[in-house]
Amino acid sequence: MRAETNLDAIGRRASPAGREATPPLRAATGWRHRVRRLPVAPYLFIAPNLLLFSTFTFLPLLFAVYISFNEWGLLGQPHFIAAGNYARIVEDRLFWRALGNTVVYSLGTVPTSLALGLALALALDRPLPGRSLIRSTFFLPVVISGVATAVIAAWLFNDNYGVINAVLQRIGLPKVNWLSSPSWALPSLVITTLWVRLGFCMVVYLAALQSIPSDYYHAAAIDGASRWAQFRYIVWPLLSPATFLLLILNVIYSFQVFDLIYVMTGGGPGFATTMLVQYIYQSAFITSEMGYASAIGVVLYLLILGFTVLQWRISRQAQNAL
């Protein structure tokens, strides 16, 4: 103890600023300690995903924005034209026709698929014979390739030898030109899309229904609440996160649909079923207007982003009101 005291005293006499030098030393030590304690492992695990996302999503998006301000036909050097492609979009009737078709297609598929998926989930959320088989049957179109689904649907809706027209004629109704009529081509796509999305909406709603505690139903039944009252005041509010998720995913799918249109109708007859993504494909790889196609792609991205942000804010306000 005396030796340590004498050494401390000698150190203080030899360096009068010894006491002042101690806090920076401790601060440096603490900073190094915090650096050593940084969670490096999580960043190492997500680094491959971040690299892939940046390489195949973020960088192509930036390149598309750059090309949208140029005139480029895939060959040669891009020619900068500022906002010329965006000015052309405003005056392009085919773009507005494709946008209108996409909006009509979305209005026909999104609310209907949500309503049918919820109804099917409520019907299958109870003990039934063969319930697992029924669920798998409805979910089967989700796991099948989109091109295969479109081929099957094109065979079903075929004007000459389709199964649907055969059934209509068997019951005494006239056959319908599903894929060759401008009036029926888009409804046939809507029906096919509902067949594909119904299983996905059903599964998401089933998961949300099974996560609701049964105590809520028991308490409501004790208070004399009917089944409709339980659905209105218990089930539907608690399903709002699942509804929000399905709404966003279905709108994005509707605005980005391509394989179904390409295989079944090719955007025709005429431009009756030409969607925005189909028009982007035609502008980029058929007419070789890559700059104009990139501009339409940027507009499509902004439309989806704007709808998502708007729906997110509406959902947050509704949750805060509750």
C-alpha atoms as a PDB file:
ATOM      1  CA  MET A   1       0.000   0.000   0.000  1.00  0.00           C
ATOM      2  CA  ARG A   2       2.829   2.458   0.881  1.00  0.00           C
ATOM      3  CA  ALA A   3       4.645   1.579  -2.344  1.00  0.00           C
ATOM      4  CA  GLU A   4       1.582   2.273  -4.406  1.00  0.00           C
ATOM      5  CA  THR A   5       0.995   5.560  -2.555  1.00  0.00           C
ATOM      6  CA  ASN A   6       4.582   6.681  -3.060  1.00  0.00           C
ATOM      7  CA  LEU A   7       4.421   5.827  -6.772  1.00  0.00           C
ATOM      8  CA  ASP A   8       1.233   7.822  -7.161  1.00  0.00           C
ATOM      9  CA  ALA A   9       2.776  10.759  -5.357  1.00  0.00           C
ATOM     10  CA  ILE A  10       5.912  10.606  -7.487  1.00  0.00           C
ATOM     11  CA  GLY A  11       3.775  10.467 -10.634  1.00  0.00           C
ATOM     12  CA  ARG A  12       1.800  13.513  -9.557  1.00  0.00           C
ATOM     13  CA  ARG A  13       4.946  15.485  -8.689  1.00  0.00           C
ATOM     14  CA  ALA A  14       6.638  14.517 -11.961  1.00  0.00           C
ATOM     15  CA  SER A  15       3.600  15.396 -14.046  1.00  0.00           C
ATOM     16  CA  PRO A  16       1.359  18.059 -12.522  1.00  0.00           C
ATOM     17  CA  ALA A  17      -1.165  17.519 -15.325  1.00  0.00           C
ATOM     18  CA  GLY A  18      -1.424  13.813 -14.567  1.00  0.00           C
ATOM     19  CA  ARG A  19      -4.892  14.123 -13.136  1.00  0.00           C
ATOM     20  CA  GLU A  20      -6.077  16.014 -16.210  1.00  0.00           C
ATOM     21  CA  ALA A  21      -4.722  13.341 -18.568  1.00  0.00           C
ATOM     22  CA  THR A  22      -6.788  10.561 -16.983  1.00  0.00           C
ATOM     23  CA  PRO A  23     -10.304  11.432 -18.374  1.00  0.00           C
ATOM     24  CA  PRO A  24      -9.206  11.458 -22.064  1.00  0.00           C
ATOM     25  CA  LEU A  25      -7.551   8.101 -21.503  1.00  0.00           C
ATOM     26  CA  ARG A  26     -10.756   6.702 -20.033  1.00  0.00           C
ATOM     27  CA  ALA A  27     -12.816   8.244 -22.833  1.00  0.00           C
ATOM     28  CA  ALA A  28     -10.600   6.666 -25.468  1.00  0.00           C
ATOM     29  CA  THR A  29     -10.817   3.349 -23.701  1.00  0.00           C
ATOM     30  CA  GLY A  30     -14.618   3.590 -23.516  1.00  0.00           C
ATOM     31  CA  TRP A  31     -14.869   4.473 -27.230  1.00  0.00           C
ATOM     32  CA  ARG A  32     -12.751   1.483 -28.200  1.00  0.00           C
ATOM     33  CA  HIS A  33     -14.835  -0.707 -25.933  1.00  0.00           C
ATOM     34  CA  ARG A  34     -18.037   0.438 -27.615  1.00  0.00           C
ATOM     35  CA  VAL A  35     -16.540  -0.204 -31.052  1.00  0.00           C
ATOM     36  CA  ARG A  36     -15.593  -3.714 -30.035  1.00  0.00           C
ATOM     37  CA  ARG A  37     -19.143  -4.318 -28.793  1.00  0.00           C
ATOM     38  CA  LEU A  38     -20.834  -3.316 -32.092  1.00  0.00           C
ATOM     39  CA  PRO A  39     -23.084  -6.126 -33.403  1.00  0.00           C
ATOM     40  CA  VAL A  40     -21.134  -7.076 -36.518  1.00  0.00           C
ATOM     41  CA  ALA A  41     -22.757 -10.485 -37.053  1.00  0.00           C
ATOM     42  CA  PRO A  42     -26.211  -9.173 -38.174  1.00  0.00           C
ATOM     43  CA  TYR A  43     -24.596  -6.956 -40.812  1.00  0.00           C
ATOM     44  CA  LEU A  44     -22.547  -9.880 -42.082  1.00  0.00           C
ATOM     45  CA  PHE A  45     -25.693 -11.971 -42.459  1.00  0.00           C
ATOM     46  CA  ILE A  46     -27.628  -9.308 -44.404  1.00  0.00           C
ATOM     47  CA  ALA A  47     -24.647  -8.192 -46.491  1.00  0.00           C
ATOM     48  CA  PRO A  48     -25.286 -10.743 -49.318  1.00  0.00           C
ATOM     49  CA  ASN A  49     -28.930  -9.725 -49.544  1.00  0.00           C
ATOM     50  CA  LEU A  50     -28.018  -6.051 -49.589  1.00  0.00           C
ATOM     51  CA  LEU A  51     -25.464  -6.707 -52.302  1.00  0.00           C
ATOM     52  CA  LEU A  52     -27.964  -8.598 -54.446  1.00  0.00           C
ATOM     53  CA  PHE A  53     -30.665  -5.994 -53.860  1.00  0.00           C
ATOM     54  CA  SER A  54     -28.338  -3.172 -54.832  1.00  0.00           C
ATOM     55  CA  THR A  55     -27.061  -5.018 -57.904  1.00  0.00           C
ATOM     56  CA  PHE A  56     -30.367  -6.208 -59.356  1.00  0.00           C
ATOM     57  CA  THR A  57     -32.881  -3.642 -58.019  1.00  0.00           C
ATOM     58  CA  PHE A  58     -31.427  -0.356 -56.851  1.00  0.00           C
ATOM     59  CA  LEU A  59     -28.796   0.139 -59.554  1.00  0.00           C
ATOM     60  CA  PRO A  60     -31.156  -0.814 -62.434  1.00  0.00           C
ATOM     61  CA  LEU A  61     -33.702   1.622 -61.019  1.00  0.00           C
ATOM     62  CA  LEU A  62     -31.166   4.435 -61.079  1.00  0.00           C
ATOM     63  CA  PHE A  63     -30.110   3.440 -64.591  1.00  0.00           C
ATOM     64  CA  ALA A  64     -33.752   3.481 -65.742  1.00  0.00           C
ATOM     65  CA  VAL A  65     -34.158   7.004 -64.356  1.00  0.00           C
ATOM     66  CA  TYR A  66     -31.023   8.064 -66.246  1.00  0.00           C
ATOM     67  CA  ILE A  67     -32.167   6.455 -69.510  1.00  0.00           C
ATOM     68  CA  SER A  68     -35.612   8.080 -69.185  1.00  0.00           C
ATOM     69  CA  PHE A  69     -33.971  11.453 -69.908  1.00  0.00           C
ATOM     70  CA  ASN A  70     -32.330  10.102 -73.058  1.00  0.00           C
ATOM     71  CA  GLU A  71     -33.302   8.847 -76.477  1.00  0.00           C
ATOM     72  CA  TRP A  72     -31.833   5.385 -76.850  1.00  0.00           C
ATOM     73  CA  GLY A  73     -32.602   2.387 -79.043  1.00  0.00           C
ATOM     74  CA  LEU A  74     -30.358  -0.168 -77.284  1.00  0.00           C
ATOM     75  CA  LEU A  75     -27.670   0.341 -79.933  1.00  0.00           C
ATOM     76  CA  GLY A  76     -25.340   3.305 -80.006  1.00  0.00           C
ATOM     77  CA  GLN A  77     -24.944   6.013 -77.403  1.00  0.00           C
ATOM     78  CA  PRO A  78     -27.869   7.555 -75.491  1.00  0.00           C
ATOM     79  CA  HIS A  79     -28.838  11.030 -76.656  1.00  0.00           C
ATOM     80  CA  PHE A  80     -29.845  13.402 -73.856  1.00  0.00           C
ATOM     81  CA  ILE A  81     -33.259  15.012 -74.489  1.00  0.00           C
ATOM     82  CA  ALA A  82     -34.058  16.228 -70.944  1.00  0.00           C
ATOM     83  CA  ALA A  83     -37.784  15.779 -70.194  1.00  0.00           C
ATOM     84  CA  GLY A  84     -38.733  15.020 -73.789  1.00  0.00           C
ATOM     85  CA  ASN A  85     -39.923  11.489 -73.017  1.00  0.00           C
ATOM     86  CA  TYR A  86     -42.115  12.703 -70.171  1.00  0.00           C
ATOM     87  CA  ALA A  87     -43.614  15.409 -72.388  1.00  0.00           C
ATOM     88  CA  ARG A  88     -44.385  12.709 -74.932  1.00  0.00           C
ATOM     89  CA  ILE A  89     -46.187  10.655 -72.281  1.00  0.00           C
ATOM     90  CA  VAL A  90     -48.622  13.516 -71.656  1.00  0.00           C
ATOM     91  CA  GLU A  91     -49.622  13.557 -75.332  1.00  0.00           C
ATOM     92  CA  ASP A  92     -49.539   9.788 -75.930  1.00  0.00           C
ATOM     93  CA  ARG A  93     -53.068   8.405 -76.284  1.00  0.00           C
ATOM     94  CA  LEU A  94     -51.870   4.808 -76.113  1.00  0.00           C
ATOM     95  CA  PHE A  95     -50.284   5.476 -72.726  1.00  0.00           C
ATOM     96  CA  TRP A  96     -53.539   6.835 -71.332  1.00  0.00           C
ATOM     97  CA  ARG A  97     -55.409   3.901 -72.873  1.00  0.00           C
ATOM     98  CA  ALA A  98     -53.020   1.469 -71.185  1.00  0.00           C
ATOM     99  CA  LEU A  99     -53.307   3.359 -67.895  1.00  0.00           C
ATOM    100  CA  GLY A 100     -57.102   3.279 -68.123  1.00  0.00           C
ATOM    101  CA  ASN A 101     -57.076  -0.457 -68.817  1.00  0.00           C
ATOM    102  CA  THR A 102     -54.788  -0.992 -65.832  1.00  0.00           C
ATOM    103  CA  VAL A 103     -57.054   1.014 -63.523  1.00  0.00           C
ATOM    104  CA  VAL A 104     -60.169  -0.842 -64.716  1.00  0.00           C
ATOM    105  CA  TYR A 105     -58.359  -4.161 -64.312  1.00  0.00           C
ATOM    106  CA  SER A 106     -57.303  -3.200 -60.776  1.00  0.00           C
ATOM    107  CA  LEU A 107     -60.808  -2.089 -59.811  1.00  0.00           C
ATOM    108  CA  GLY A 108     -62.185  -5.367 -61.086  1.00  0.00           C
ATOM    109  CA  THR A 109     -59.677  -7.622 -59.352  1.00  0.00           C
ATOM    110  CA  VAL A 110     -58.496  -6.008 -56.104  1.00  0.00           C
ATOM    111  CA  PRO A 111     -61.762  -5.431 -54.168  1.00  0.00           C
ATOM    112  CA  THR A 112     -63.331  -8.624 -55.490  1.00  0.00           C
ATOM    113  CA  SER A 113     -60.356 -10.807 -54.592  1.00  0.00           C
ATOM    114  CA  LEU A 114     -60.267  -9.339 -51.076  1.00  0.00           C
ATOM    115  CA  ALA A 115     -63.995  -9.881 -50.548  1.00  0.00           C
ATOM    116  CA  LEU A 116     -63.992 -13.426 -51.933  1.00  0.00           C
ATOM    117  CA  GLY A 117     -60.817 -14.327 -50.039  1.00  0.00           C
ATOM    118  CA  LEU A 118     -62.312 -13.095 -46.769  1.00  0.00           C
ATOM    119  CA  ALA A 119     -65.587 -14.932 -47.364  1.00  0.00           C
ATOM    120  CA  LEU A 120     -63.743 -18.145 -48.167  1.00  0.00           C
ATOM    121  CA  ALA A 121     -61.505 -17.760 -45.111  1.00  0.00           C
ATOM    122  CA  LEU A 122     -64.534 -17.291 -42.847  1.00  0.00           C
ATOM    123  CA  ALA A 123     -66.162 -20.365 -44.373  1.00  0.00           C
ATOM    124  CA  LEU A 124     -63.058 -22.546 -43.935  1.00  0.00           C
ATOM    125  CA  ASP A 125     -62.158 -21.286 -40.452  1.00  0.00           C
ATOM    126  CA  ARG A 126     -64.275 -23.965 -38.817  1.00  0.00           C
ATOM    127  CA  PRO A 127     -64.217 -27.765 -38.496  1.00  0.00           C
ATOM    128  CA  LEU A 128     -65.196 -29.253 -41.865  1.00  0.00           C
ATOM    129  CA  PRO A 129     -64.622 -32.672 -43.446  1.00  0.00           C
ATOM    130  CA  GLY A 130     -61.712 -32.462 -45.862  1.00  0.00           C
ATOM    131  CA  ARG A 131     -60.903 -28.894 -44.833  1.00  0.00           C
ATOM    132  CA  SER A 132     -57.180 -29.221 -45.573  1.00  0.00           C
ATOM    133  CA  LEU A 133     -57.888 -30.616 -49.041  1.00  0.00           C
ATOM    134  CA  ILE A 134     -60.297 -27.772 -49.805  1.00  0.00           C
ATOM    135  CA  ARG A 135     -57.748 -25.182 -48.694  1.00  0.00           C
ATOM    136  CA  SER A 136     -55.039 -26.787 -50.807  1.00  0.00           C
ATOM    137  CA  THR A 137     -57.335 -26.843 -53.837  1.00  0.00           C
ATOM    138  CA  PHE A 138     -58.001 -23.121 -53.623  1.00  0.00           C
ATOM    139  CA  PHE A 139     -54.336 -22.340 -52.973  1.00  0.00           C
ATOM    140  CA  LEU A 140     -53.049 -24.490 -55.844  1.00  0.00           C
ATOM    141  CA  PRO A 141     -53.175 -21.742 -58.547  1.00  0.00           C
ATOM    142  CA  VAL A 142     -50.875 -19.576 -56.404  1.00  0.00           C
ATOM    143  CA  VAL A 143     -47.972 -22.038 -56.579  1.00  0.00           C
ATOM    144  CA  ILE A 144     -48.400 -22.789 -60.286  1.00  0.00           C
ATOM    145  CA  SER A 145     -46.331 -20.786 -62.749  1.00  0.00           C
ATOM    146  CA  GLY A 146     -48.065 -17.710 -64.119  1.00  0.00           C
ATOM    147  CA  VAL A 147     -47.422 -18.798 -67.685  1.00  0.00           C
ATOM    148  CA  ALA A 148     -48.903 -22.248 -67.005  1.00  0.00           C
ATOM    149  CA  THR A 149     -51.939 -20.648 -65.395  1.00  0.00           C
ATOM    150  CA  ALA A 150     -52.379 -18.368 -68.414  1.00  0.00           C
ATOM    151  CA  VAL A 151     -52.139 -21.326 -70.823  1.00  0.00           C
ATOM    152  CA  ILE A 152     -54.808 -23.218 -68.877  1.00  0.00           C
ATOM    153  CA  ALA A 153     -57.040 -20.137 -68.779  1.00  0.00           C
ATOM    154  CA  ALA A 154     -56.568 -19.529 -72.513  1.00  0.00           C
ATOM    155  CA  TRP A 155     -57.687 -23.094 -73.164  1.00  0.00           C
ATOM    156  CA  LEU A 156     -60.725 -22.685 -70.898  1.00  0.00           C
ATOM    157  CA  PHE A 157     -61.752 -19.376 -72.519  1.00  0.00           C
ATOM    158  CA  ASN A 158     -61.016 -20.408 -76.098  1.00  0.00           C
ATOM    159  CA  ASP A 159     -63.701 -19.150 -78.455  1.00  0.00           C
ATOM    160  CA  ASN A 160     -64.011 -22.347 -80.517  1.00  0.00           C
ATOM    161  CA  TYR A 161     -63.217 -25.352 -78.313  1.00  0.00           C
ATOM    162  CA  GLY A 162     -63.025 -23.858 -74.819  1.00  0.00           C
ATOM    163  CA  VAL A 163     -64.558 -25.695 -71.876  1.00  0.00           C
ATOM    164  CA  ILE A 164     -66.519 -22.646 -70.723  1.00  0.00           C
ATOM    165  CA  ASN A 165     -68.237 -22.164 -74.082  1.00  0.00           C
ATOM    166  CA  ALA A 166     -68.979 -25.881 -74.195  1.00  0.00           C
ATOM    167  CA  VAL A 167     -70.704 -25.652 -70.816  1.00  0.00           C
ATOM    168  CA  LEU A 168     -72.651 -22.566 -71.924  1.00  0.00           C
ATOM    169  CA  GLN A 169     -73.883 -24.315 -75.054  1.00  0.00           C
ATOM    170  CA  ARG A 170     -74.771 -27.420 -73.052  1.00  0.00           C
ATOM    171  CA  ILE A 171     -77.127 -25.414 -70.836  1.00  0.00           C
ATOM    172  CA  GLY A 172     -78.653 -23.607 -73.805  1.00  0.00           C
ATOM    173  CA  LEU A 173     -76.721 -20.325 -73.744  1.00  0.00           C
ATOM    174  CA  PRO A 174     -74.842 -18.861 -76.709  1.00  0.00           C
ATOM    175  CA  LYS A 175     -71.088 -19.059 -76.731  1.00  0.00           C
ATOM    176  CA  VAL A 176     -69.040 -15.956 -75.928  1.00  0.00           C
ATOM    177  CA  ASN A 177     -66.002 -14.690 -77.805  1.00  0.00           C
ATOM    178  CA  TRP A 178     -64.005 -14.339 -74.613  1.00  0.00           C
ATOM    179  CA  LEU A 179     -60.550 -13.582 -76.008  1.00  0.00           C
ATOM    180  CA  SER A 180     -61.373 -12.116 -79.433  1.00  0.00           C
ATOM    181  CA  SER A 181     -64.019  -9.603 -78.386  1.00  0.00           C
ATOM    182  CA  PRO A 182     -62.955  -6.174 -77.056  1.00  0.00           C
ATOM    183  CA  SER A 183     -65.907  -6.287 -74.668  1.00  0.00           C
ATOM    184  CA  TRP A 184     -65.120  -9.697 -73.146  1.00  0.00           C
ATOM    185  CA  ALA A 185     -61.319  -9.914 -73.289  1.00  0.00           C
ATOM    186  CA  LEU A 186     -60.751  -7.803 -70.177  1.00  0.00           C
ATOM    187  CA  PRO A 187     -63.473  -9.578 -68.120  1.00  0.00           C
ATOM    188  CA  SER A 188     -61.883 -12.921 -68.983  1.00  0.00           C
ATOM    189  CA  LEU A 189     -58.569 -11.637 -67.608  1.00  0.00           C
ATOM    190  CA  VAL A 190     -60.310 -10.409 -64.462  1.00  0.00           C
ATOM    191  CA  ILE A 191     -61.936 -13.817 -63.915  1.00  0.00           C
ATOM    192  CA  THR A 192     -58.596 -15.591 -64.385  1.00  0.00           C
ATOM    193  CA  THR A 193     -56.872 -13.216 -61.977  1.00  0.00           C
ATOM    194  CA  LEU A 194     -59.538 -13.809 -59.337  1.00  0.00           C
ATOM    195  CA  TRP A 195     -58.967 -17.548 -59.723  1.00  0.00           C
ATOM    196  CA  VAL A 196     -55.250 -17.042 -59.090  1.00  0.00           C
ATOM    197  CA  ARG A 197     -55.438 -14.563 -56.212  1.00  0.00           C
ATOM    198  CA  LEU A 198     -58.310 -16.110 -54.307  1.00  0.00           C
ATOM    199  CA  GLY A 199     -56.135 -18.717 -52.608  1.00  0.00           C
ATOM    200  CA  PHE A 200     -53.491 -16.220 -51.514  1.00  0.00           C
ATOM    201  CA  CYS A 201     -56.048 -13.846 -49.985  1.00  0.00           C
ATOM    202  CA  MET A 202     -57.728 -16.811 -48.287  1.00  0.00           C
ATOM    203  CA  VAL A 203     -54.489 -17.994 -46.657  1.00  0.00           C
ATOM    204  CA  VAL A 204     -53.554 -14.529 -45.365  1.00  0.00           C
ATOM    205  CA  TYR A 205     -57.025 -13.963 -43.935  1.00  0.00           C
ATOM    206  CA  LEU A 206     -57.039 -17.447 -42.392  1.00  0.00           C
ATOM    207  CA  ALA A 207     -53.777 -16.690 -40.600  1.00  0.00           C
ATOM    208  CA  ALA A 208     -55.197 -13.390 -39.339  1.00  0.00           C
ATOM    209  CA  LEU A 209     -58.445 -15.016 -38.173  1.00  0.00           C
ATOM    210  CA  GLN A 210     -56.624 -17.743 -36.277  1.00  0.00           C
ATOM    211  CA  SER A 211     -54.498 -15.130 -34.481  1.00  0.00           C
ATOM    212  CA  ILE A 212     -57.578 -13.503 -32.891  1.00  0.00           C
ATOM    213  CA  PRO A 213     -57.904 -14.673 -29.242  1.00  0.00           C
ATOM    214  CA  SER A 214     -61.010 -16.745 -28.601  1.00  0.00           C
ATOM    215  CA  ASP A 215     -61.653 -14.778 -25.400  1.00  0.00           C
ATOM    216  CA  TYR A 216     -62.965 -11.903 -27.515  1.00  0.00           C
ATOM    217  CA  TYR A 217     -65.661 -14.114 -29.010  1.00  0.00           C
ATOM    218  CA  HIS A 218     -66.619 -15.561 -25.621  1.00  0.00           C
ATOM    219  CA  ALA A 219     -66.927 -12.114 -24.069  1.00  0.00           C
ATOM    220  CA  ALA A 220     -68.996 -10.852 -26.988  1.00  0.00           C
ATOM    221  CA  ALA A 221     -71.276 -13.908 -26.817  1.00  0.00           C
ATOM    222  CA  ILE A 222     -71.820 -13.347 -23.107  1.00  0.00           C
ATOM    223  CA  ASP A 223     -72.816  -9.749 -23.849  1.00  0.00           C
ATOM    224  CA  GLY A 224     -75.355 -11.000 -26.380  1.00  0.00           C
ATOM    225  CA  ALA A 225     -73.557  -9.896 -29.542  1.00  0.00           C
ATOM    226  CA  SER A 226     -74.755 -11.529 -32.756  1.00  0.00           C
ATOM    227  CA  ARG A 227     -72.424 -13.045 -35.332  1.00  0.00           C
ATOM    228  CA  TRP A 228     -72.679  -9.931 -37.476  1.00  0.00           C
ATOM    229  CA  ALA A 229     -71.877  -7.712 -34.469  1.00  0.00           C
ATOM    230  CA  GLN A 230     -68.860  -9.890 -33.636  1.00  0.00           C
ATOM    231  CA  PHE A 231     -67.632  -9.619 -37.220  1.00  0.00           C
ATOM    232  CA  ARG A 232     -68.203  -5.856 -37.375  1.00  0.00           C
ATOM    233  CA  TYR A 233     -66.715  -4.848 -34.042  1.00  0.00           C
ATOM    234  CA  ILE A 234     -64.140  -7.594 -33.397  1.00  0.00           C
ATOM    235  CA  VAL A 235     -63.101  -9.460 -36.524  1.00  0.00           C
ATOM    236  CA  TRP A 236     -63.023  -6.672 -39.102  1.00  0.00           C
ATOM    237  CA  PRO A 237     -60.982  -4.157 -37.000  1.00  0.00           C
ATOM    238  CA  LEU A 238     -58.457  -6.848 -36.065  1.00  0.00           C
ATOM    239  CA  LEU A 239     -58.139  -7.850 -39.723  1.00  0.00           C
ATOM    240  CA  SER A 240     -57.098  -4.343 -40.778  1.00  0.00           C
ATOM    241  CA  PRO A 241     -53.323  -5.147 -40.921  1.00  0.00           C
ATOM    242  CA  ALA A 242     -53.987  -8.169 -43.145  1.00  0.00           C
ATOM    243  CA  THR A 243     -56.355  -6.133 -45.316  1.00  0.00           C
ATOM    244  CA  PHE A 244     -53.764  -3.393 -45.685  1.00  0.00           C
ATOM    245  CA  LEU A 245     -51.096  -5.923 -46.698  1.00  0.00           C
ATOM    246  CA  LEU A 246     -53.358  -7.624 -49.237  1.00  0.00           C
ATOM    247  CA  LEU A 247     -54.529  -4.311 -50.666  1.00  0.00           C
ATOM    248  CA  ILE A 248     -50.983  -3.117 -51.319  1.00  0.00           C
ATOM    249  CA  LEU A 249     -49.815  -6.449 -52.749  1.00  0.00           C
ATOM    250  CA  ASN A 250     -52.861  -6.815 -55.001  1.00  0.00           C
ATOM    251  CA  VAL A 251     -52.572  -3.283 -56.355  1.00  0.00           C
ATOM    252  CA  ILE A 252     -48.874  -3.795 -57.082  1.00  0.00           C
ATOM    253  CA  TYR A 253     -49.648  -7.093 -58.818  1.00  0.00           C
ATOM    254  CA  SER A 254     -52.422  -5.472 -60.872  1.00  0.00           C
ATOM    255  CA  PHE A 255     -50.186  -2.637 -62.026  1.00  0.00           C
ATOM    256  CA  GLN A 256     -47.332  -5.019 -62.829  1.00  0.00           C
ATOM    257  CA  VAL A 257     -49.287  -7.835 -64.504  1.00  0.00           C
ATOM    258  CA  PHE A 258     -47.613  -9.058 -67.675  1.00  0.00           C
ATOM    259  CA  ASP A 259     -47.395 -12.841 -68.115  1.00  0.00           C
ATOM    260  CA  LEU A 260     -51.156 -13.343 -67.958  1.00  0.00           C
ATOM    261  CA  ILE A 261     -51.803 -10.644 -70.568  1.00  0.00           C
ATOM    262  CA  TYR A 262     -48.945 -11.697 -72.821  1.00  0.00           C
ATOM    263  CA  VAL A 263     -50.027 -15.341 -73.029  1.00  0.00           C
ATOM    264  CA  MET A 264     -53.806 -14.971 -73.116  1.00  0.00           C
ATOM    265  CA  THR A 265     -54.439 -11.895 -75.292  1.00  0.00           C
ATOM    266  CA  GLY A 266     -51.092 -10.299 -76.160  1.00  0.00           C
ATOM    267  CA  GLY A 267     -52.628  -6.936 -75.298  1.00  0.00           C
ATOM    268  CA  GLY A 268     -55.427  -7.307 -77.846  1.00  0.00           C
ATOM    269  CA  PRO A 269     -57.805  -7.383 -79.513  1.00  0.00           C
ATOM    270  CA  GLY A 270     -56.623  -3.967 -80.597  1.00  0.00           C
ATOM    271  CA  PHE A 271     -55.517  -2.304 -77.360  1.00  0.00           C
ATOM    272  CA  ALA A 272     -58.448  -3.574 -75.292  1.00  0.00           C
ATOM    273  CA  THR A 273     -56.215  -5.403 -72.790  1.00  0.00           C
ATOM    274  CA  THR A 274     -52.936  -3.498 -73.143  1.00  0.00           C
ATOM    275  CA  MET A 275     -51.646  -2.702 -69.640  1.00  0.00           C
ATOM    276  CA  LEU A 276     -48.812  -0.385 -68.650  1.00  0.00           C
ATOM    277  CA  VAL A 277     -46.221  -3.140 -68.351  1.00  0.00           C
ATOM    278  CA  GLN A 278     -47.317  -4.557 -71.703  1.00  0.00           C
ATOM    279  CA  TYR A 279     -46.925  -1.103 -73.259  1.00  0.00           C
ATOM    280  CA  ILE A 280     -43.475  -0.755 -71.682  1.00  0.00           C
ATOM    281  CA  TYR A 281     -42.471  -4.095 -73.201  1.00  0.00           C
ATOM    282  CA  GLN A 282     -43.715  -3.060 -76.646  1.00  0.00           C
ATOM    283  CA  SER A 283     -41.937   0.299 -76.477  1.00  0.00           C
ATOM    284  CA  ALA A 284     -38.656  -1.207 -75.306  1.00  0.00           C
ATOM    285  CA  PHE A 285     -38.285  -4.428 -77.307  1.00  0.00           C
ATOM    286  CA  ILE A 286     -40.595  -4.058 -80.306  1.00  0.00           C
ATOM    287  CA  THR A 287     -40.209  -0.402 -81.317  1.00  0.00           C
ATOM    288  CA  SER A 288     -36.753  -0.117 -79.661  1.00  0.00           C
ATOM    289  CA  GLU A 289     -37.576   3.052 -77.725  1.00  0.00           C
ATOM    290  CA  MET A 290     -35.741   2.239 -74.532  1.00  0.00           C
ATOM    291  CA  GLY A 291     -35.695   5.818 -73.257  1.00  0.00           C
ATOM    292  CA  TYR A 292     -39.450   6.209 -73.663  1.00  0.00           C
ATOM    293  CA  ALA A 293     -40.080   2.814 -72.091  1.00  0.00           C
ATOM    294  CA  SER A 294     -37.898   3.782 -69.123  1.00  0.00           C
ATOM    295  CA  ALA A 295     -39.883   6.990 -68.694  1.00  0.00           C
ATOM    296  CA  ILE A 296     -43.135   5.012 -68.579  1.00  0.00           C
ATOM    297  CA  GLY A 297     -41.526   2.651 -66.075  1.00  0.00           C
ATOM    298  CA  VAL A 298     -40.556   5.572 -63.836  1.00  0.00           C
ATOM    299  CA  VAL A 299     -44.115   6.902 -64.006  1.00  0.00           C
ATOM    300  CA  LEU A 300     -45.436   3.449 -63.097  1.00  0.00           C
ATOM    301  CA  TYR A 301     -43.036   3.271 -60.156  1.00  0.00           C
ATOM    302  CA  LEU A 302     -44.161   6.688 -58.906  1.00  0.00           C
ATOM    303  CA  LEU A 303     -47.827   5.706 -59.206  1.00  0.00           C
ATOM    304  CA  ILE A 304     -47.325   2.557 -57.128  1.00  0.00           C
ATOM    305  CA  LEU A 305     -45.186   4.417 -54.586  1.00  0.00           C
ATOM    306  CA  GLY A 306     -47.733   7.217 -54.266  1.00  0.00           C
ATOM    307  CA  PHE A 307     -50.603   4.792 -53.748  1.00  0.00           C
ATOM    308  CA  THR A 308     -48.637   2.840 -51.137  1.00  0.00           C
ATOM    309  CA  VAL A 309     -47.723   5.960 -49.164  1.00  0.00           C
ATOM    310  CA  LEU A 310     -51.300   7.267 -49.337  1.00  0.00           C
ATOM    311  CA  GLN A 311     -52.772   3.967 -48.192  1.00  0.00           C
ATOM    312  CA  TRP A 312     -50.189   3.719 -45.412  1.00  0.00           C
ATOM    313  CA  ARG A 313     -51.110   7.156 -44.092  1.00  0.00           C
ATOM    314  CA  ILE A 314     -54.825   6.372 -44.259  1.00  0.00           C
ATOM    315  CA  SER A 315     -54.215   3.132 -42.367  1.00  0.00           C
ATOM    316  CA  ARG A 316     -52.154   4.917 -39.694  1.00  0.00           C
ATOM    317  CA  GLN A 317     -54.849   7.556 -39.227  1.00  0.00           C
ATOM    318  CA  ALA A 318     -57.519   4.872 -38.922  1.00  0.00           C
ATOM    319  CA  GLN A 319     -55.473   3.012 -36.308  1.00  0.00           C
ATOM    320  CA  ASN A 320     -54.893   6.209 -34.330  1.00  0.00           C
ATOM    321  CA  ALA A 321     -58.616   6.954 -34.437  1.00  0.00           C
ATOM    322  CA  LEU A 322     -59.313   3.566 -32.866  1.00  0.00           C
END
